[in-house]
Amino acid sequence: MPDPFDLIALILGILFSLRQMDIAQRQKANYPAVSEPDFKRWHESARRAYRLGATACFGKILFDIVFAFLLRRGVRPPFAVQLTVGVGVTVACAVLVGIAIWRSRRAHELARQRGIELQPQAPSRS
């Protein structure tokens, strides 16, 4: 039976990857009012944040697949060890995803401050 945390990790990993691709496609030329160092700082911090999240999610899934394969091949540590490793990997993934979200929010705040991401405009009333 699939681990529900793997399904969540898969969805989050895809979302992190899509955001990472969006950030990678943005070019400095599209933001002439933003200085090169500010754009580069934002670009790198946002890419690192999304890469961390995607790596944590897909790494958890890959680890779970390899661990399950080893268990089926006869590598049988005590149940307490299996449980500790499984819970440890899930918690580590959750912590890394939390750090990635926190870092991405900081990157988006920097982008708003520098004019890379505009605040949503309220619809004009005519």
N, C-alpha and C. Protein backbone atom coordinates (compact mmCIF):
# COMPACT_ATOMS: atom_id res chain seq x y z
N MET A 1 0.84 -1.17 0.00
CA MET A 1 0.00 0.00 0.00
C MET A 1 0.89 1.25 0.00
N PRO A 2 0.61 2.20 -0.89
CA PRO A 2 1.46 3.39 -0.97
C PRO A 2 1.36 4.24 0.30
N ASP A 3 2.47 4.83 0.64
CA ASP A 3 2.55 5.71 1.79
C ASP A 3 1.87 7.03 1.44
N PRO A 4 0.89 7.48 2.24
CA PRO A 4 0.23 8.75 1.92
C PRO A 4 1.20 9.93 1.94
N PHE A 5 2.26 9.84 2.74
CA PHE A 5 3.25 10.91 2.75
C PHE A 5 4.02 10.96 1.44
N ASP A 6 4.16 9.81 0.77
CA ASP A 6 4.81 9.81 -0.53
C ASP A 6 3.95 10.52 -1.57
N LEU A 7 2.66 10.36 -1.48
CA LEU A 7 1.76 11.06 -2.40
C LEU A 7 1.85 12.57 -2.18
N ILE A 8 1.85 12.98 -0.92
CA ILE A 8 2.00 14.40 -0.60
C ILE A 8 3.36 14.91 -1.09
N ALA A 9 4.41 14.11 -0.85
CA ALA A 9 5.75 14.51 -1.29
C ALA A 9 5.81 14.62 -2.82
N LEU A 10 5.14 13.72 -3.52
CA LEU A 10 5.13 13.77 -4.98
C LEU A 10 4.46 15.05 -5.47
N ILE A 11 3.31 15.38 -4.90
CA ILE A 11 2.60 16.60 -5.31
C ILE A 11 3.44 17.84 -5.00
N LEU A 12 3.99 17.90 -3.79
CA LEU A 12 4.81 19.05 -3.42
C LEU A 12 6.07 19.13 -4.28
N GLY A 13 6.67 17.97 -4.57
CA GLY A 13 7.87 17.95 -5.41
C GLY A 13 7.58 18.49 -6.80
N ILE A 14 6.44 18.13 -7.35
CA ILE A 14 6.05 18.65 -8.67
C ILE A 14 5.83 20.16 -8.60
N LEU A 15 5.16 20.62 -7.56
CA LEU A 15 4.92 22.06 -7.42
C LEU A 15 6.23 22.83 -7.25
N PHE A 16 7.12 22.31 -6.42
CA PHE A 16 8.43 22.95 -6.27
C PHE A 16 9.19 22.98 -7.60
N SER A 17 9.12 21.89 -8.35
CA SER A 17 9.82 21.83 -9.64
C SER A 17 9.24 22.82 -10.64
N LEU A 18 7.92 22.95 -10.66
CA LEU A 18 7.30 23.92 -11.57
C LEU A 18 7.70 25.34 -11.22
N ARG A 19 7.73 25.66 -9.94
CA ARG A 19 8.15 27.00 -9.53
C ARG A 19 9.62 27.23 -9.86
N GLN A 20 10.43 26.20 -9.69
CA GLN A 20 11.86 26.33 -10.01
C GLN A 20 12.04 26.60 -11.51
N MET A 21 11.25 25.93 -12.34
CA MET A 21 11.33 26.18 -13.79
C MET A 21 10.86 27.60 -14.12
N ASP A 22 9.81 28.07 -13.44
CA ASP A 22 9.33 29.43 -13.67
C ASP A 22 10.43 30.44 -13.33
N ILE A 23 11.09 30.25 -12.22
CA ILE A 23 12.16 31.16 -11.80
C ILE A 23 13.32 31.09 -12.79
N ALA A 24 13.66 29.91 -13.25
CA ALA A 24 14.79 29.75 -14.17
C ALA A 24 14.55 30.46 -15.50
N GLN A 25 13.30 30.59 -15.91
CA GLN A 25 12.99 31.23 -17.19
C GLN A 25 13.00 32.75 -17.11
N ARG A 26 12.95 33.31 -15.92
CA ARG A 26 12.93 34.76 -15.79
C ARG A 26 14.32 35.32 -16.10
N GLN A 27 14.34 36.37 -16.89
CA GLN A 27 15.59 36.98 -17.32
C GLN A 27 15.68 38.42 -16.82
N LYS A 28 16.88 38.87 -16.56
CA LYS A 28 17.12 40.23 -16.07
C LYS A 28 16.60 41.26 -17.08
N ALA A 29 16.68 40.97 -18.35
CA ALA A 29 16.25 41.92 -19.38
C ALA A 29 14.77 42.29 -19.26
N ASN A 30 13.97 41.45 -18.66
CA ASN A 30 12.55 41.74 -18.48
C ASN A 30 12.28 42.69 -17.33
N TYR A 31 13.30 43.01 -16.55
CA TYR A 31 13.15 43.87 -15.38
C TYR A 31 14.21 44.97 -15.43
N PRO A 32 14.07 45.92 -16.35
CA PRO A 32 15.12 46.94 -16.53
C PRO A 32 15.30 47.85 -15.31
N ALA A 33 14.29 48.02 -14.49
CA ALA A 33 14.39 48.90 -13.32
C ALA A 33 15.13 48.24 -12.15
N VAL A 34 15.41 46.96 -12.26
CA VAL A 34 16.06 46.22 -11.17
C VAL A 34 17.54 46.09 -11.46
N SER A 35 18.36 46.38 -10.46
CA SER A 35 19.81 46.28 -10.66
C SER A 35 20.22 44.82 -10.83
N GLU A 36 21.33 44.64 -11.51
CA GLU A 36 21.85 43.28 -11.76
C GLU A 36 22.11 42.51 -10.46
N PRO A 37 22.78 43.11 -9.47
CA PRO A 37 23.01 42.37 -8.21
C PRO A 37 21.73 41.99 -7.48
N ASP A 38 20.74 42.90 -7.48
CA ASP A 38 19.46 42.58 -6.82
C ASP A 38 18.74 41.44 -7.53
N PHE A 39 18.73 41.49 -8.86
CA PHE A 39 18.06 40.43 -9.61
C PHE A 39 18.76 39.09 -9.38
N LYS A 40 20.08 39.13 -9.44
CA LYS A 40 20.85 37.88 -9.26
C LYS A 40 20.64 37.32 -7.86
N ARG A 41 20.64 38.19 -6.86
CA ARG A 41 20.42 37.74 -5.48
C ARG A 41 19.05 37.08 -5.34
N TRP A 42 18.02 37.73 -5.88
CA TRP A 42 16.68 37.15 -5.82
C TRP A 42 16.62 35.84 -6.60
N HIS A 43 17.16 35.85 -7.80
CA HIS A 43 17.08 34.68 -8.68
C HIS A 43 17.72 33.45 -8.02
N GLU A 44 18.90 33.64 -7.49
CA GLU A 44 19.60 32.51 -6.85
C GLU A 44 18.90 32.06 -5.57
N SER A 45 18.42 32.98 -4.76
CA SER A 45 17.76 32.57 -3.51
C SER A 45 16.45 31.83 -3.80
N ALA A 46 15.70 32.29 -4.78
CA ALA A 46 14.44 31.61 -5.12
C ALA A 46 14.72 30.22 -5.71
N ARG A 47 15.69 30.13 -6.61
CA ARG A 47 16.02 28.82 -7.20
C ARG A 47 16.50 27.84 -6.14
N ARG A 48 17.34 28.31 -5.22
CA ARG A 48 17.83 27.42 -4.16
C ARG A 48 16.70 26.94 -3.27
N ALA A 49 15.76 27.83 -2.95
CA ALA A 49 14.64 27.45 -2.09
C ALA A 49 13.80 26.36 -2.76
N TYR A 50 13.46 26.56 -4.03
CA TYR A 50 12.63 25.56 -4.72
C TYR A 50 13.40 24.27 -4.99
N ARG A 51 14.70 24.37 -5.25
CA ARG A 51 15.50 23.16 -5.45
C ARG A 51 15.56 22.34 -4.16
N LEU A 52 15.69 23.02 -3.02
CA LEU A 52 15.71 22.31 -1.73
C LEU A 52 14.40 21.56 -1.52
N GLY A 53 13.28 22.21 -1.78
CA GLY A 53 11.98 21.55 -1.60
C GLY A 53 11.80 20.37 -2.52
N ALA A 54 12.15 20.54 -3.79
CA ALA A 54 11.99 19.45 -4.76
C ALA A 54 12.92 18.28 -4.41
N THR A 55 14.14 18.59 -4.03
CA THR A 55 15.10 17.54 -3.67
C THR A 55 14.64 16.77 -2.44
N ALA A 56 14.13 17.49 -1.44
CA ALA A 56 13.64 16.83 -0.23
C ALA A 56 12.49 15.89 -0.56
N CYS A 57 11.54 16.35 -1.37
CA CYS A 57 10.36 15.54 -1.69
C CYS A 57 10.73 14.32 -2.53
N PHE A 58 11.45 14.55 -3.62
CA PHE A 58 11.80 13.42 -4.49
C PHE A 58 12.81 12.50 -3.82
N GLY A 59 13.67 13.06 -2.97
CA GLY A 59 14.61 12.23 -2.23
C GLY A 59 13.90 11.30 -1.26
N LYS A 60 12.85 11.79 -0.62
CA LYS A 60 12.08 10.94 0.29
C LYS A 60 11.43 9.78 -0.46
N ILE A 61 10.86 10.10 -1.61
CA ILE A 61 10.21 9.05 -2.40
C ILE A 61 11.23 8.02 -2.85
N LEU A 62 12.36 8.47 -3.35
CA LEU A 62 13.41 7.55 -3.80
C LEU A 62 13.92 6.71 -2.63
N PHE A 63 14.14 7.33 -1.48
CA PHE A 63 14.59 6.58 -0.32
C PHE A 63 13.57 5.51 0.06
N ASP A 64 12.29 5.88 0.07
CA ASP A 64 11.26 4.91 0.43
C ASP A 64 11.23 3.72 -0.53
N ILE A 65 11.42 3.98 -1.81
CA ILE A 65 11.43 2.90 -2.81
C ILE A 65 12.62 1.98 -2.56
N VAL A 66 13.80 2.56 -2.36
CA VAL A 66 15.00 1.75 -2.13
C VAL A 66 14.89 0.98 -0.82
N PHE A 67 14.39 1.62 0.22
CA PHE A 67 14.26 0.97 1.52
C PHE A 67 13.28 -0.20 1.43
N ALA A 68 12.16 0.00 0.75
CA ALA A 68 11.19 -1.09 0.57
C ALA A 68 11.79 -2.23 -0.24
N PHE A 69 12.57 -1.90 -1.28
CA PHE A 69 13.22 -2.92 -2.08
C PHE A 69 14.18 -3.75 -1.23
N LEU A 70 14.97 -3.08 -0.39
CA LEU A 70 15.91 -3.79 0.48
C LEU A 70 15.18 -4.68 1.48
N LEU A 71 14.06 -4.20 2.00
CA LEU A 71 13.30 -5.00 2.96
C LEU A 71 12.75 -6.26 2.28
N ARG A 72 12.33 -6.13 1.02
CA ARG A 72 11.81 -7.30 0.30
C ARG A 72 12.92 -8.27 -0.09
N ARG A 73 14.15 -7.78 -0.19
CA ARG A 73 15.28 -8.63 -0.57
C ARG A 73 15.89 -9.37 0.61
N GLY A 74 15.32 -9.18 1.78
CA GLY A 74 15.81 -9.95 2.92
C GLY A 74 16.60 -9.16 3.93
N VAL A 75 16.87 -7.90 3.67
CA VAL A 75 17.56 -7.07 4.66
C VAL A 75 16.51 -6.68 5.69
N ARG A 76 16.52 -7.35 6.82
CA ARG A 76 15.47 -7.17 7.82
C ARG A 76 16.03 -6.66 9.15
N PRO A 77 16.20 -5.35 9.28
CA PRO A 77 16.58 -4.85 10.61
C PRO A 77 15.37 -4.98 11.54
N PRO A 78 15.58 -4.87 12.82
CA PRO A 78 14.46 -4.94 13.76
C PRO A 78 13.40 -3.89 13.43
N PHE A 79 12.16 -4.21 13.80
CA PHE A 79 11.05 -3.31 13.47
C PHE A 79 11.28 -1.91 14.03
N ALA A 80 11.85 -1.82 15.23
CA ALA A 80 12.10 -0.50 15.83
C ALA A 80 13.04 0.33 14.96
N VAL A 81 14.02 -0.33 14.35
CA VAL A 81 14.95 0.37 13.45
C VAL A 81 14.20 0.81 12.19
N GLN A 82 13.38 -0.08 11.63
CA GLN A 82 12.60 0.27 10.44
C GLN A 82 11.71 1.48 10.72
N LEU A 83 11.04 1.45 11.86
CA LEU A 83 10.13 2.53 12.23
C LEU A 83 10.90 3.83 12.45
N THR A 84 12.02 3.75 13.13
CA THR A 84 12.83 4.95 13.40
C THR A 84 13.34 5.56 12.10
N VAL A 85 13.82 4.73 11.19
CA VAL A 85 14.32 5.23 9.91
C VAL A 85 13.18 5.84 9.11
N GLY A 86 12.05 5.16 9.04
CA GLY A 86 10.91 5.66 8.28
C GLY A 86 10.39 6.99 8.81
N VAL A 87 10.21 7.06 10.12
CA VAL A 87 9.71 8.30 10.72
C VAL A 87 10.77 9.39 10.59
N GLY A 88 12.03 9.04 10.76
CA GLY A 88 13.11 10.02 10.64
C GLY A 88 13.17 10.65 9.26
N VAL A 89 13.03 9.83 8.23
CA VAL A 89 13.06 10.34 6.86
C VAL A 89 11.85 11.23 6.60
N THR A 90 10.69 10.83 7.07
CA THR A 90 9.48 11.64 6.88
C THR A 90 9.59 12.98 7.60
N VAL A 91 10.09 12.96 8.83
CA VAL A 91 10.25 14.20 9.58
C VAL A 91 11.31 15.09 8.92
N ALA A 92 12.41 14.50 8.49
CA ALA A 92 13.45 15.28 7.81
C ALA A 92 12.90 15.94 6.55
N CYS A 93 12.11 15.20 5.81
CA CYS A 93 11.48 15.75 4.60
C CYS A 93 10.57 16.92 4.97
N ALA A 94 9.76 16.75 5.99
CA ALA A 94 8.84 17.81 6.42
C ALA A 94 9.60 19.06 6.86
N VAL A 95 10.69 18.86 7.59
CA VAL A 95 11.49 20.00 8.04
C VAL A 95 12.12 20.72 6.84
N LEU A 96 12.67 19.96 5.90
CA LEU A 96 13.29 20.57 4.72
C LEU A 96 12.25 21.29 3.86
N VAL A 97 11.06 20.73 3.75
CA VAL A 97 9.99 21.41 3.00
C VAL A 97 9.61 22.71 3.71
N GLY A 98 9.53 22.67 5.03
CA GLY A 98 9.23 23.89 5.78
C GLY A 98 10.29 24.96 5.57
N ILE A 99 11.56 24.56 5.59
CA ILE A 99 12.65 25.51 5.34
C ILE A 99 12.57 26.05 3.92
N ALA A 100 12.25 25.19 2.97
CA ALA A 100 12.13 25.63 1.57
C ALA A 100 10.99 26.65 1.41
N ILE A 101 9.88 26.41 2.07
CA ILE A 101 8.76 27.35 1.99
C ILE A 101 9.14 28.68 2.64
N TRP A 102 9.80 28.62 3.78
CA TRP A 102 10.23 29.84 4.46
C TRP A 102 11.20 30.63 3.58
N ARG A 103 12.16 29.94 2.98
CA ARG A 103 13.12 30.62 2.10
C ARG A 103 12.45 31.18 0.85
N SER A 104 11.49 30.47 0.31
CA SER A 104 10.81 30.97 -0.89
C SER A 104 9.98 32.20 -0.55
N ARG A 105 9.38 32.24 0.62
CA ARG A 105 8.64 33.43 1.03
C ARG A 105 9.57 34.63 1.19
N ARG A 106 10.75 34.40 1.74
CA ARG A 106 11.74 35.48 1.85
C ARG A 106 12.17 35.97 0.47
N ALA A 107 12.34 35.04 -0.46
CA ALA A 107 12.73 35.42 -1.82
C ALA A 107 11.61 36.22 -2.49
N HIS A 108 10.37 35.83 -2.26
CA HIS A 108 9.25 36.57 -2.86
C HIS A 108 9.11 37.95 -2.23
N GLU A 109 9.40 38.08 -0.95
CA GLU A 109 9.37 39.39 -0.31
C GLU A 109 10.46 40.28 -0.91
N LEU A 110 11.64 39.74 -1.12
CA LEU A 110 12.71 40.48 -1.77
C LEU A 110 12.29 40.90 -3.18
N ALA A 111 11.64 40.00 -3.89
CA ALA A 111 11.19 40.32 -5.25
C ALA A 111 10.17 41.45 -5.24
N ARG A 112 9.27 41.44 -4.28
CA ARG A 112 8.28 42.52 -4.19
C ARG A 112 8.96 43.84 -3.87
N GLN A 113 9.94 43.80 -2.97
CA GLN A 113 10.65 45.03 -2.61
C GLN A 113 11.42 45.62 -3.78
N ARG A 114 11.97 44.77 -4.61
CA ARG A 114 12.81 45.22 -5.73
C ARG A 114 12.03 45.45 -7.02
N GLY A 115 10.74 45.12 -7.03
CA GLY A 115 9.94 45.33 -8.22
C GLY A 115 9.98 44.19 -9.21
N ILE A 116 10.46 43.06 -8.79
CA ILE A 116 10.49 41.89 -9.67
C ILE A 116 9.12 41.25 -9.72
N GLU A 117 8.46 41.18 -8.58
CA GLU A 117 7.09 40.70 -8.51
C GLU A 117 6.23 41.85 -8.05
N LEU A 118 5.25 42.17 -8.81
CA LEU A 118 4.39 43.29 -8.44
C LEU A 118 3.29 42.80 -7.51
N GLN A 119 2.92 43.68 -6.59
CA GLN A 119 1.78 43.37 -5.71
C GLN A 119 0.54 43.31 -6.57
N PRO A 120 -0.41 42.44 -6.25
CA PRO A 120 -1.65 42.40 -7.02
C PRO A 120 -2.36 43.76 -6.97
N GLN A 121 -2.80 44.22 -8.11
CA GLN A 121 -3.50 45.49 -8.19
C GLN A 121 -4.98 45.28 -7.93
N ALA A 122 -5.57 46.16 -7.17
CA ALA A 122 -7.01 46.11 -6.94
C ALA A 122 -7.71 46.53 -8.23
N PRO A 123 -8.82 45.87 -8.58
CA PRO A 123 -9.52 46.25 -9.81
C PRO A 123 -10.01 47.69 -9.71
N SER A 124 -9.85 48.43 -10.79
CA SER A 124 -10.30 49.83 -10.78
C SER A 124 -11.82 49.87 -10.88
N ARG A 125 -12.38 50.81 -10.18
CA ARG A 125 -13.84 50.96 -10.18
C ARG A 125 -14.20 52.09 -11.10
N SER A 126 -14.90 51.76 -12.15
CA SER A 126 -15.28 52.79 -13.13
C SER A 126 -16.76 53.04 -13.11
